[in-house]
Amino acid sequence: METNQNGNGLLRAAEYMARVLPGGQLELPAKIRYQLQLRPNMQVKVILLRAVESEAEQAQREAEQARKRHAAIADLLALRQEFAGMNFDLTEAVVRMRELEDG
């Protein structure tokens, strides 16, 4: 589909739903690359639209984050109890728990 002109002529457009990948990049299907005839280092105009989270979805997400945080703290306290009386530094355990919490 071709759209309005810009300073460089007509713009071709394609619409699709994408995911934000863990590194922050957007996935770009081969079909879209082919359709728009995209090549490496080609400049494109990007317009991002994000669905707004409902209050219920936001509350559910926050509750899940809180559940993960509480589980991580419980795991850390269990480790602390397990290693009580030993000459043990919990720093590594804390880092591990945070990685689990974020994952």
Protein backbone atom coordinates (compact mmCIF):
# COMPACT_ATOMS: atom_id res chain seq x y z
CA MET A 1 0.00 0.00 0.00
CA GLU A 2 1.35 3.42 -0.89
CA THR A 3 0.60 6.47 1.22
CA ASN A 4 1.19 10.22 1.23
CA GLN A 5 4.29 11.80 -0.16
CA ASN A 6 7.17 12.95 1.95
CA GLY A 7 10.21 14.89 0.82
CA ASN A 8 11.54 11.74 -0.88
CA GLY A 9 8.40 10.71 -2.78
CA LEU A 10 5.70 8.14 -2.02
CA LEU A 11 5.88 6.07 1.14
CA ARG A 12 5.00 2.38 1.12
CA ALA A 13 3.29 1.11 4.25
CA ALA A 14 2.58 -2.22 5.91
CA GLU A 15 0.76 -2.95 9.12
CA TYR A 16 1.34 -5.92 11.41
CA MET A 17 1.37 -6.78 15.10
CA ALA A 18 4.89 -7.13 16.50
CA ARG A 19 6.51 -8.14 19.76
CA VAL A 20 9.26 -6.22 21.49
CA LEU A 21 12.12 -8.70 21.79
CA PRO A 22 14.18 -9.03 25.00
CA GLY A 23 16.91 -6.75 23.62
CA GLY A 24 14.37 -4.02 22.80
CA GLN A 25 14.26 -4.69 19.06
CA LEU A 26 11.00 -5.17 17.18
CA GLU A 27 10.43 -8.34 15.24
CA LEU A 28 10.13 -7.76 11.49
CA PRO A 29 8.58 -10.63 9.51
CA ALA A 30 10.22 -11.68 6.24
CA LYS A 31 6.88 -11.09 4.48
CA ILE A 32 6.99 -7.40 5.46
CA ARG A 33 10.66 -7.05 4.49
CA TYR A 34 9.80 -8.52 1.08
CA GLN A 35 6.60 -6.50 0.67
CA LEU A 36 8.38 -3.20 1.39
CA GLN A 37 11.58 -4.29 -0.39
CA LEU A 38 13.65 -3.45 2.68
CA ARG A 39 17.43 -3.68 2.58
CA PRO A 40 20.01 -3.41 5.38
CA ASN A 41 20.63 0.16 6.59
CA MET A 42 17.59 1.47 4.70
CA GLN A 43 15.89 4.33 6.53
CA VAL A 44 12.22 3.76 7.40
CA LYS A 45 9.60 5.78 9.21
CA VAL A 46 8.28 4.01 12.31
CA ILE A 47 5.00 4.75 14.06
CA LEU A 48 4.38 2.75 17.24
CA LEU A 49 0.95 2.19 18.74
CA ARG A 50 0.62 0.34 22.02
CA ALA A 51 -2.57 -1.06 23.48
CA VAL A 52 -3.43 0.62 26.75
CA GLU A 53 -3.61 -1.74 29.71
CA SER A 54 -6.98 -1.87 31.44
CA GLU A 55 -7.07 -1.31 35.19
CA ALA A 56 -7.79 -5.02 35.69
CA GLU A 57 -4.81 -6.02 33.50
CA GLN A 58 -2.56 -3.56 35.33
CA ALA A 59 -3.71 -4.87 38.72
CA GLN A 60 -3.12 -8.46 37.55
CA ARG A 61 0.38 -7.60 36.29
CA GLU A 62 1.25 -5.83 39.55
CA ALA A 63 -0.12 -8.74 41.60
CA GLU A 64 2.03 -11.18 39.58
CA GLN A 65 5.11 -9.01 40.13
CA ALA A 66 4.35 -8.87 43.87
CA ARG A 67 3.88 -12.66 43.95
CA LYS A 68 7.25 -13.18 42.26
CA ARG A 69 8.90 -10.72 44.65
CA HIS A 70 7.42 -12.47 47.70
CA ALA A 71 8.44 -15.90 46.36
CA ALA A 72 12.00 -14.65 45.78
CA ILE A 73 12.15 -13.22 49.31
CA ALA A 74 10.82 -16.50 50.74
CA ASP A 75 13.48 -18.41 48.78
CA LEU A 76 16.17 -16.05 50.06
CA LEU A 77 14.99 -16.45 53.65
CA ALA A 78 15.02 -20.23 53.21
CA LEU A 79 18.61 -20.01 51.97
CA ARG A 80 19.52 -17.81 54.89
CA GLN A 81 18.03 -20.34 57.30
CA GLU A 82 19.83 -23.20 55.52
CA PHE A 83 23.19 -21.46 55.83
CA ALA A 84 22.64 -20.05 59.33
CA GLY A 85 25.70 -20.54 61.50
CA MET A 86 28.00 -20.98 58.52
CA ASN A 87 30.54 -18.47 57.36
CA PHE A 88 28.51 -17.62 54.24
CA ASP A 89 27.99 -14.39 52.29
CA LEU A 90 24.46 -13.99 50.92
CA THR A 91 25.45 -11.53 48.18
CA GLU A 92 25.62 -14.22 45.51
CA ALA A 93 22.30 -15.67 46.65
CA VAL A 94 20.67 -12.24 46.49
CA VAL A 95 21.92 -11.71 42.95
CA ARG A 96 20.62 -15.14 41.94
CA MET A 97 17.21 -14.43 43.49
CA ARG A 98 16.95 -11.09 41.68
CA GLU A 99 17.76 -12.77 38.37
CA LEU A 100 14.99 -15.31 39.03
CA GLU A 101 12.61 -12.52 39.98
CA ASP A 102 13.33 -10.60 36.76
CA GLY A 103 13.21 -13.72 34.58
